Amino acid sequence: MKKYNLLMVVVLLFFVSCNSETKKSEEKESENEVVSENSLTSHEKTEGWKLLFDGESTNGWKNFNEDRISGWIVEDECLVGQGLGGDIGGDIVSENEYDNFILKWDWKLGPNGNSGVIYHVLEGEKYNAPYETGPEYQLIEDDDFRNPDGSQYPLEDWQKTASDYAMYVAGKNKKVNLHDWNSSMIKFTEAIVEYWLNGEKVVEFEPWSDDWNERRNSGKWDQYPDYGIAKKGKISLQDHGSKIWFKNMKIKEL
């Protein structure tokens, strides 16, 4: 029996070692893999990542509350909002809905840039815009943002880039590349939410907690009673009257 047990231990260690070496080999292969824009590595595919933008078309997206898409084009492998939208109108949403997820994307703002990525968005006749229901990862020019007439527009901290708009302020460790490419990530679970910007975690909060409810009920969202209550919904890209470029958008459901 002792020899049998020893043999089983040896066999088990052999399989563990093989699996470990296989994993290391796959990770090394993934690191060395040449990947083009708007595509997934072999490792990402294995992990369940999906592209939200294929780099060639607007497939998978449509205007909010509509069955068509307008105001957005594909240009140089980027999904581009033309700046034709406003407070209402111009935003697009994903065809699919998501609850818990990790969302990654690269983005760049045009002059007087103002946009955002909104999630858990609900559609319907009683809603005029995605922000009425979905939390927003803010994208804006911060201190350099100006009104259409060129006048300076002072922003509150909760309005600035990478903040959870009107809820949680991005940390002072954030670094924004003005008019150049940035990389962002949202990790959403019912236990914790994280916002990342250029490799740094800048926001963290617990959704639907006492703290979250206190902020949500502070007055900003009084006219939007359904804000933030959905636990599943669509991803939205905002066109708020200025050009915005997106690429390398990918999502992994948790």
C-alpha atoms as a PDB file:
ATOM      1  CA  MET A   1       0.000   0.000   0.000  1.00  0.00           C
ATOM      2  CA  LYS A   2       2.838   2.380   0.809  1.00  0.00           C
ATOM      3  CA  LYS A   3       4.441   1.742  -2.612  1.00  0.00           C
ATOM      4  CA  TYR A   4       1.042   2.308  -4.271  1.00  0.00           C
ATOM      5  CA  ASN A   5       0.518   5.605  -2.429  1.00  0.00           C
ATOM      6  CA  LEU A   6       4.018   6.740  -3.338  1.00  0.00           C
ATOM      7  CA  LEU A   7       3.370   5.888  -6.978  1.00  0.00           C
ATOM      8  CA  MET A   8       0.128   7.919  -6.941  1.00  0.00           C
ATOM      9  CA  VAL A   9       1.953  10.906  -5.458  1.00  0.00           C
ATOM     10  CA  VAL A  10       4.635  10.694  -8.165  1.00  0.00           C
ATOM     11  CA  VAL A  11       2.006  10.477 -10.917  1.00  0.00           C
ATOM     12  CA  LEU A  12       0.085  13.429  -9.438  1.00  0.00           C
ATOM     13  CA  LEU A  13       3.244  15.544  -9.213  1.00  0.00           C
ATOM     14  CA  PHE A  14       4.044  14.637 -12.819  1.00  0.00           C
ATOM     15  CA  PHE A  15       0.656  15.872 -14.062  1.00  0.00           C
ATOM     16  CA  VAL A  16       0.843  19.044 -11.961  1.00  0.00           C
ATOM     17  CA  SER A  17       4.309  19.743 -13.349  1.00  0.00           C
ATOM     18  CA  CYS A  18       3.147  19.117 -16.921  1.00  0.00           C
ATOM     19  CA  ASN A  19       0.126  21.410 -16.501  1.00  0.00           C
ATOM     20  CA  SER A  20       2.320  24.107 -14.985  1.00  0.00           C
ATOM     21  CA  GLU A  21       4.821  23.878 -17.828  1.00  0.00           C
ATOM     22  CA  THR A  22       2.015  23.915 -20.400  1.00  0.00           C
ATOM     23  CA  LYS A  23       0.526  27.042 -18.816  1.00  0.00           C
ATOM     24  CA  LYS A  24       3.911  28.758 -18.739  1.00  0.00           C
ATOM     25  CA  SER A  25       4.462  27.812 -22.383  1.00  0.00           C
ATOM     26  CA  GLU A  26       1.055  29.211 -23.379  1.00  0.00           C
ATOM     27  CA  GLU A  27       1.682  32.445 -21.470  1.00  0.00           C
ATOM     28  CA  LYS A  28       5.124  32.838 -23.074  1.00  0.00           C
ATOM     29  CA  GLU A  29       3.646  32.149 -26.503  1.00  0.00           C
ATOM     30  CA  SER A  30       0.930  34.750 -25.841  1.00  0.00           C
ATOM     31  CA  GLU A  31       3.524  37.323 -24.771  1.00  0.00           C
ATOM     32  CA  ASN A  32       5.502  36.773 -27.983  1.00  0.00           C
ATOM     33  CA  GLU A  33       2.404  36.721 -30.189  1.00  0.00           C
ATOM     34  CA  VAL A  34       2.155  39.618 -32.622  1.00  0.00           C
ATOM     35  CA  VAL A  35      -1.374  40.982 -32.324  1.00  0.00           C
ATOM     36  CA  SER A  36      -2.885  43.585 -34.602  1.00  0.00           C
ATOM     37  CA  GLU A  37      -5.257  46.331 -33.490  1.00  0.00           C
ATOM     38  CA  ASN A  38      -8.772  45.258 -32.501  1.00  0.00           C
ATOM     39  CA  SER A  39      -7.920  41.591 -32.112  1.00  0.00           C
ATOM     40  CA  LEU A  40      -7.449  39.061 -29.327  1.00  0.00           C
ATOM     41  CA  THR A  41      -4.464  36.949 -28.364  1.00  0.00           C
ATOM     42  CA  SER A  42      -4.840  33.193 -28.208  1.00  0.00           C
ATOM     43  CA  HIS A  43      -4.664  33.426 -24.422  1.00  0.00           C
ATOM     44  CA  GLU A  44      -7.431  36.063 -24.313  1.00  0.00           C
ATOM     45  CA  LYS A  45      -9.658  33.879 -26.468  1.00  0.00           C
ATOM     46  CA  THR A  46      -9.049  30.953 -24.127  1.00  0.00           C
ATOM     47  CA  GLU A  47      -9.965  33.148 -21.149  1.00  0.00           C
ATOM     48  CA  GLY A  48     -13.282  34.139 -22.747  1.00  0.00           C
ATOM     49  CA  TRP A  49     -12.585  37.671 -23.971  1.00  0.00           C
ATOM     50  CA  LYS A  50     -14.787  38.993 -26.782  1.00  0.00           C
ATOM     51  CA  LEU A  51     -14.250  41.959 -29.074  1.00  0.00           C
ATOM     52  CA  LEU A  52     -16.848  44.730 -28.951  1.00  0.00           C
ATOM     53  CA  PHE A  53     -15.395  46.391 -32.058  1.00  0.00           C
ATOM     54  CA  ASP A  54     -13.858  44.483 -34.966  1.00  0.00           C
ATOM     55  CA  GLY A  55     -11.935  47.430 -36.423  1.00  0.00           C
ATOM     56  CA  GLU A  56     -13.812  47.244 -39.702  1.00  0.00           C
ATOM     57  CA  SER A  57     -17.501  47.857 -39.062  1.00  0.00           C
ATOM     58  CA  THR A  58     -20.076  49.151 -36.588  1.00  0.00           C
ATOM     59  CA  ASN A  59     -21.481  45.641 -36.173  1.00  0.00           C
ATOM     60  CA  GLY A  60     -22.757  45.050 -32.657  1.00  0.00           C
ATOM     61  CA  TRP A  61     -23.688  48.704 -32.077  1.00  0.00           C
ATOM     62  CA  LYS A  62     -26.749  50.865 -32.670  1.00  0.00           C
ATOM     63  CA  ASN A  63     -28.118  54.240 -31.657  1.00  0.00           C
ATOM     64  CA  PHE A  64     -29.794  54.373 -28.268  1.00  0.00           C
ATOM     65  CA  ASN A  65     -33.499  53.471 -28.538  1.00  0.00           C
ATOM     66  CA  GLU A  66     -33.165  52.917 -32.305  1.00  0.00           C
ATOM     67  CA  ASP A  67     -32.519  50.038 -34.686  1.00  0.00           C
ATOM     68  CA  ARG A  68     -29.921  51.850 -36.791  1.00  0.00           C
ATOM     69  CA  ILE A  69     -26.615  53.598 -36.299  1.00  0.00           C
ATOM     70  CA  SER A  70     -25.715  57.121 -37.401  1.00  0.00           C
ATOM     71  CA  GLY A  71     -23.182  59.740 -36.372  1.00  0.00           C
ATOM     72  CA  TRP A  72     -20.480  57.099 -35.893  1.00  0.00           C
ATOM     73  CA  ILE A  73     -18.030  55.815 -38.508  1.00  0.00           C
ATOM     74  CA  VAL A  74     -15.067  53.469 -38.777  1.00  0.00           C
ATOM     75  CA  GLU A  75     -11.901  55.364 -39.644  1.00  0.00           C
ATOM     76  CA  ASP A  76      -8.313  54.037 -39.549  1.00  0.00           C
ATOM     77  CA  GLU A  77      -9.452  51.002 -37.541  1.00  0.00           C
ATOM     78  CA  CYS A  78     -11.157  53.233 -34.962  1.00  0.00           C
ATOM     79  CA  LEU A  79     -14.794  53.617 -34.001  1.00  0.00           C
ATOM     80  CA  VAL A  80     -15.280  57.370 -34.212  1.00  0.00           C
ATOM     81  CA  GLY A  81     -18.041  59.519 -32.776  1.00  0.00           C
ATOM     82  CA  GLN A  82     -18.400  62.487 -35.130  1.00  0.00           C
ATOM     83  CA  GLY A  83     -19.375  65.023 -32.480  1.00  0.00           C
ATOM     84  CA  LEU A  84     -22.929  65.374 -33.759  1.00  0.00           C
ATOM     85  CA  GLY A  85     -24.579  64.443 -30.458  1.00  0.00           C
ATOM     86  CA  GLY A  86     -25.512  66.460 -27.431  1.00  0.00           C
ATOM     87  CA  ASP A  87     -27.069  66.069 -24.018  1.00  0.00           C
ATOM     88  CA  ILE A  88     -29.684  63.888 -25.692  1.00  0.00           C
ATOM     89  CA  GLY A  89     -28.995  62.001 -28.912  1.00  0.00           C
ATOM     90  CA  GLY A  90     -25.855  60.671 -30.547  1.00  0.00           C
ATOM     91  CA  ASP A  91     -24.996  57.894 -28.088  1.00  0.00           C
ATOM     92  CA  ILE A  92     -24.699  54.298 -29.228  1.00  0.00           C
ATOM     93  CA  VAL A  93     -25.256  51.069 -27.282  1.00  0.00           C
ATOM     94  CA  SER A  94     -24.110  47.483 -27.603  1.00  0.00           C
ATOM     95  CA  GLU A  95     -26.552  44.926 -28.916  1.00  0.00           C
ATOM     96  CA  ASN A  96     -25.764  42.597 -26.006  1.00  0.00           C
ATOM     97  CA  GLU A  97     -26.310  43.109 -22.273  1.00  0.00           C
ATOM     98  CA  TYR A  98     -23.804  42.437 -19.506  1.00  0.00           C
ATOM     99  CA  ASP A  99     -23.892  42.122 -15.713  1.00  0.00           C
ATOM    100  CA  ASN A 100     -20.476  41.317 -14.191  1.00  0.00           C
ATOM    101  CA  PHE A 101     -17.560  41.966 -16.516  1.00  0.00           C
ATOM    102  CA  ILE A 102     -14.117  43.345 -17.237  1.00  0.00           C
ATOM    103  CA  LEU A 103     -14.174  45.932 -20.029  1.00  0.00           C
ATOM    104  CA  LYS A 104     -11.019  47.301 -21.668  1.00  0.00           C
ATOM    105  CA  TRP A 105     -10.643  49.960 -24.339  1.00  0.00           C
ATOM    106  CA  ASP A 106      -8.311  52.575 -25.809  1.00  0.00           C
ATOM    107  CA  TRP A 107      -9.589  56.090 -26.446  1.00  0.00           C
ATOM    108  CA  LYS A 108      -8.606  59.558 -27.631  1.00  0.00           C
ATOM    109  CA  LEU A 109     -10.488  62.862 -27.373  1.00  0.00           C
ATOM    110  CA  GLY A 110     -10.733  65.619 -29.945  1.00  0.00           C
ATOM    111  CA  PRO A 111     -10.744  69.368 -29.115  1.00  0.00           C
ATOM    112  CA  ASN A 112     -13.129  70.199 -26.255  1.00  0.00           C
ATOM    113  CA  GLY A 113     -13.532  66.477 -25.844  1.00  0.00           C
ATOM    114  CA  ASN A 114     -16.430  65.215 -23.772  1.00  0.00           C
ATOM    115  CA  SER A 115     -17.549  61.604 -23.789  1.00  0.00           C
ATOM    116  CA  GLY A 116     -17.973  58.608 -21.547  1.00  0.00           C
ATOM    117  CA  VAL A 117     -18.465  54.858 -21.335  1.00  0.00           C
ATOM    118  CA  ILE A 118     -21.724  53.940 -19.641  1.00  0.00           C
ATOM    119  CA  TYR A 119     -22.806  50.472 -18.541  1.00  0.00           C
ATOM    120  CA  HIS A 120     -25.920  48.633 -17.297  1.00  0.00           C
ATOM    121  CA  VAL A 121     -27.879  50.872 -19.676  1.00  0.00           C
ATOM    122  CA  LEU A 122     -31.601  50.282 -20.124  1.00  0.00           C
ATOM    123  CA  GLU A 123     -33.571  51.252 -23.209  1.00  0.00           C
ATOM    124  CA  GLY A 124     -37.242  52.139 -23.422  1.00  0.00           C
ATOM    125  CA  GLU A 125     -39.720  54.892 -24.208  1.00  0.00           C
ATOM    126  CA  LYS A 126     -39.395  56.464 -20.765  1.00  0.00           C
ATOM    127  CA  TYR A 127     -35.633  57.005 -21.196  1.00  0.00           C
ATOM    128  CA  ASN A 128     -34.090  59.735 -23.341  1.00  0.00           C
ATOM    129  CA  ALA A 129     -30.406  58.958 -22.815  1.00  0.00           C
ATOM    130  CA  PRO A 130     -28.140  56.182 -21.471  1.00  0.00           C
ATOM    131  CA  TYR A 131     -26.983  58.265 -18.487  1.00  0.00           C
ATOM    132  CA  GLU A 132     -30.495  58.171 -17.033  1.00  0.00           C
ATOM    133  CA  THR A 133     -29.933  54.540 -16.024  1.00  0.00           C
ATOM    134  CA  GLY A 134     -26.246  53.668 -16.351  1.00  0.00           C
ATOM    135  CA  PRO A 135     -23.164  54.649 -14.319  1.00  0.00           C
ATOM    136  CA  GLU A 136     -20.545  56.462 -16.395  1.00  0.00           C
ATOM    137  CA  TYR A 137     -16.775  56.250 -16.654  1.00  0.00           C
ATOM    138  CA  GLN A 138     -16.151  59.896 -17.574  1.00  0.00           C
ATOM    139  CA  LEU A 139     -13.931  60.951 -20.494  1.00  0.00           C
ATOM    140  CA  ILE A 140     -13.326  64.694 -20.787  1.00  0.00           C
ATOM    141  CA  GLU A 141     -10.543  67.284 -21.175  1.00  0.00           C
ATOM    142  CA  ASP A 142     -10.589  68.166 -17.476  1.00  0.00           C
ATOM    143  CA  ASP A 143      -9.067  71.619 -16.919  1.00  0.00           C
ATOM    144  CA  ASP A 144      -8.746  72.302 -20.655  1.00  0.00           C
ATOM    145  CA  PHE A 145     -12.415  71.734 -21.434  1.00  0.00           C
ATOM    146  CA  ARG A 146     -14.226  74.686 -23.007  1.00  0.00           C
ATOM    147  CA  ASN A 147     -17.731  75.539 -24.127  1.00  0.00           C
ATOM    148  CA  PRO A 148     -18.506  75.579 -27.869  1.00  0.00           C
ATOM    149  CA  ASP A 149     -18.039  79.375 -27.859  1.00  0.00           C
ATOM    150  CA  GLY A 150     -14.513  78.954 -26.467  1.00  0.00           C
ATOM    151  CA  SER A 151     -15.251  80.125 -22.927  1.00  0.00           C
ATOM    152  CA  GLN A 152     -13.700  78.184 -20.066  1.00  0.00           C
ATOM    153  CA  TYR A 153     -15.938  75.646 -18.405  1.00  0.00           C
ATOM    154  CA  PRO A 154     -14.919  74.925 -14.798  1.00  0.00           C
ATOM    155  CA  LEU A 155     -15.383  71.272 -13.905  1.00  0.00           C
ATOM    156  CA  GLU A 156     -16.129  69.753 -10.532  1.00  0.00           C
ATOM    157  CA  ASP A 157     -13.823  66.876  -9.553  1.00  0.00           C
ATOM    158  CA  TRP A 158     -16.655  64.386 -10.030  1.00  0.00           C
ATOM    159  CA  GLN A 159     -16.970  65.544 -13.657  1.00  0.00           C
ATOM    160  CA  LYS A 160     -13.361  64.814 -14.552  1.00  0.00           C
ATOM    161  CA  THR A 161     -11.801  61.961 -16.493  1.00  0.00           C
ATOM    162  CA  ALA A 162     -11.992  58.431 -15.049  1.00  0.00           C
ATOM    163  CA  SER A 163     -14.405  59.495 -12.304  1.00  0.00           C
ATOM    164  CA  ASP A 164     -17.614  57.581 -11.791  1.00  0.00           C
ATOM    165  CA  TYR A 165     -19.632  60.581 -12.982  1.00  0.00           C
ATOM    166  CA  ALA A 166     -21.333  62.478 -10.129  1.00  0.00           C
ATOM    167  CA  MET A 167     -20.544  59.624  -7.742  1.00  0.00           C
ATOM    168  CA  TYR A 168     -16.864  58.819  -7.132  1.00  0.00           C
ATOM    169  CA  VAL A 169     -13.874  61.050  -7.895  1.00  0.00           C
ATOM    170  CA  ALA A 170     -10.819  59.612  -9.655  1.00  0.00           C
ATOM    171  CA  GLY A 171      -7.676  59.526  -7.528  1.00  0.00           C
ATOM    172  CA  LYS A 172      -4.866  62.037  -7.878  1.00  0.00           C
ATOM    173  CA  ASN A 173      -2.611  59.260  -9.210  1.00  0.00           C
ATOM    174  CA  LYS A 174      -4.379  59.318 -12.580  1.00  0.00           C
ATOM    175  CA  LYS A 175      -2.375  60.268 -15.663  1.00  0.00           C
ATOM    176  CA  VAL A 176      -4.191  61.446 -18.793  1.00  0.00           C
ATOM    177  CA  ASN A 177      -2.648  61.805 -22.241  1.00  0.00           C
ATOM    178  CA  LEU A 178      -4.380  64.879 -23.639  1.00  0.00           C
ATOM    179  CA  HIS A 179      -5.341  64.484 -27.317  1.00  0.00           C
ATOM    180  CA  ASP A 180      -3.408  61.208 -27.421  1.00  0.00           C
ATOM    181  CA  TRP A 181      -4.265  57.592 -26.759  1.00  0.00           C
ATOM    182  CA  ASN A 182      -5.231  56.357 -23.302  1.00  0.00           C
ATOM    183  CA  SER A 183      -6.108  52.895 -22.019  1.00  0.00           C
ATOM    184  CA  SER A 184      -8.988  52.317 -19.612  1.00  0.00           C
ATOM    185  CA  MET A 185     -10.606  49.424 -17.820  1.00  0.00           C
ATOM    186  CA  ILE A 186     -13.751  48.831 -15.789  1.00  0.00           C
ATOM    187  CA  LYS A 187     -14.040  45.767 -13.586  1.00  0.00           C
ATOM    188  CA  PHE A 188     -17.564  45.344 -12.306  1.00  0.00           C
ATOM    189  CA  THR A 189     -18.813  42.787  -9.799  1.00  0.00           C
ATOM    190  CA  GLU A 190     -21.528  43.081  -7.194  1.00  0.00           C
ATOM    191  CA  ALA A 191     -18.819  43.026  -4.524  1.00  0.00           C
ATOM    192  CA  ILE A 192     -16.491  45.716  -5.888  1.00  0.00           C
ATOM    193  CA  VAL A 193     -16.061  48.042  -8.860  1.00  0.00           C
ATOM    194  CA  GLU A 194     -12.696  49.250 -10.147  1.00  0.00           C
ATOM    195  CA  TYR A 195     -11.885  51.948 -12.717  1.00  0.00           C
ATOM    196  CA  TRP A 196      -8.384  51.894 -14.215  1.00  0.00           C
ATOM    197  CA  LEU A 197      -6.588  54.486 -16.349  1.00  0.00           C
ATOM    198  CA  ASN A 198      -3.247  53.911 -18.085  1.00  0.00           C
ATOM    199  CA  GLY A 199      -2.293  51.077 -15.767  1.00  0.00           C
ATOM    200  CA  GLU A 200      -3.355  52.716 -12.493  1.00  0.00           C
ATOM    201  CA  LYS A 201      -6.457  51.961 -10.418  1.00  0.00           C
ATOM    202  CA  VAL A 202      -8.092  55.368  -9.880  1.00  0.00           C
ATOM    203  CA  VAL A 203     -11.562  54.520  -8.523  1.00  0.00           C
ATOM    204  CA  GLU A 204     -12.903  51.751  -6.293  1.00  0.00           C
ATOM    205  CA  PHE A 205     -16.333  51.413  -4.720  1.00  0.00           C
ATOM    206  CA  GLU A 206     -18.943  48.894  -3.612  1.00  0.00           C
ATOM    207  CA  PRO A 207     -22.094  49.135  -5.732  1.00  0.00           C
ATOM    208  CA  TRP A 208     -25.429  49.446  -3.930  1.00  0.00           C
ATOM    209  CA  SER A 209     -23.709  49.828  -0.564  1.00  0.00           C
ATOM    210  CA  ASP A 210     -24.837  52.350   2.072  1.00  0.00           C
ATOM    211  CA  ASP A 211     -22.153  54.742   0.829  1.00  0.00           C
ATOM    212  CA  TRP A 212     -23.228  54.255  -2.780  1.00  0.00           C
ATOM    213  CA  ASN A 213     -26.890  54.863  -1.907  1.00  0.00           C
ATOM    214  CA  GLU A 214     -26.026  58.011   0.040  1.00  0.00           C
ATOM    215  CA  ARG A 215     -24.215  59.448  -2.983  1.00  0.00           C
ATOM    216  CA  ARG A 216     -26.904  58.298  -5.378  1.00  0.00           C
ATOM    217  CA  ASN A 217     -29.619  59.954  -3.272  1.00  0.00           C
ATOM    218  CA  SER A 218     -27.738  63.224  -2.721  1.00  0.00           C
ATOM    219  CA  GLY A 219     -29.837  65.098  -5.291  1.00  0.00           C
ATOM    220  CA  LYS A 220     -27.978  64.764  -8.591  1.00  0.00           C
ATOM    221  CA  TRP A 221     -30.083  61.834  -9.729  1.00  0.00           C
ATOM    222  CA  ASP A 222     -33.472  62.928  -8.340  1.00  0.00           C
ATOM    223  CA  GLN A 223     -34.931  63.379 -11.818  1.00  0.00           C
ATOM    224  CA  TYR A 224     -33.623  59.964 -12.901  1.00  0.00           C
ATOM    225  CA  PRO A 225     -35.226  57.484 -10.485  1.00  0.00           C
ATOM    226  CA  ASP A 226     -33.851  54.447 -12.342  1.00  0.00           C
ATOM    227  CA  TYR A 227     -30.220  55.567 -12.261  1.00  0.00           C
ATOM    228  CA  GLY A 228     -27.871  52.783 -11.223  1.00  0.00           C
ATOM    229  CA  ILE A 229     -30.509  50.265 -10.160  1.00  0.00           C
ATOM    230  CA  ALA A 230     -30.088  47.819 -13.071  1.00  0.00           C
ATOM    231  CA  LYS A 231     -27.759  44.906 -12.466  1.00  0.00           C
ATOM    232  CA  LYS A 232     -27.584  44.056 -16.151  1.00  0.00           C
ATOM    233  CA  GLY A 233     -27.691  46.219 -19.242  1.00  0.00           C
ATOM    234  CA  LYS A 234     -25.962  47.487 -22.359  1.00  0.00           C
ATOM    235  CA  ILE A 235     -22.634  49.234 -22.823  1.00  0.00           C
ATOM    236  CA  SER A 236     -22.939  52.762 -24.215  1.00  0.00           C
ATOM    237  CA  LEU A 237     -20.444  55.085 -25.908  1.00  0.00           C
ATOM    238  CA  GLN A 238     -21.276  58.760 -25.589  1.00  0.00           C
ATOM    239  CA  ASP A 239     -21.119  61.421 -28.298  1.00  0.00           C
ATOM    240  CA  HIS A 240     -21.512  64.650 -26.364  1.00  0.00           C
ATOM    241  CA  GLY A 241     -20.770  67.093 -29.167  1.00  0.00           C
ATOM    242  CA  SER A 242     -17.056  66.482 -29.792  1.00  0.00           C
ATOM    243  CA  LYS A 243     -15.061  63.860 -31.684  1.00  0.00           C
ATOM    244  CA  ILE A 244     -14.024  60.735 -29.835  1.00  0.00           C
ATOM    245  CA  TRP A 245     -12.001  57.736 -31.017  1.00  0.00           C
ATOM    246  CA  PHE A 246     -12.267  54.182 -29.632  1.00  0.00           C
ATOM    247  CA  LYS A 247     -10.336  51.034 -30.459  1.00  0.00           C
ATOM    248  CA  ASN A 248      -9.283  47.706 -28.924  1.00  0.00           C
ATOM    249  CA  MET A 249     -12.604  47.366 -27.106  1.00  0.00           C
ATOM    250  CA  LYS A 250     -12.910  43.967 -25.478  1.00  0.00           C
ATOM    251  CA  ILE A 251     -15.008  42.440 -22.719  1.00  0.00           C
ATOM    252  CA  LYS A 252     -14.839  39.389 -20.508  1.00  0.00           C
ATOM    253  CA  GLU A 253     -17.952  38.289 -18.658  1.00  0.00           C
ATOM    254  CA  LEU A 254     -17.403  37.206 -15.055  1.00  0.00           C
END
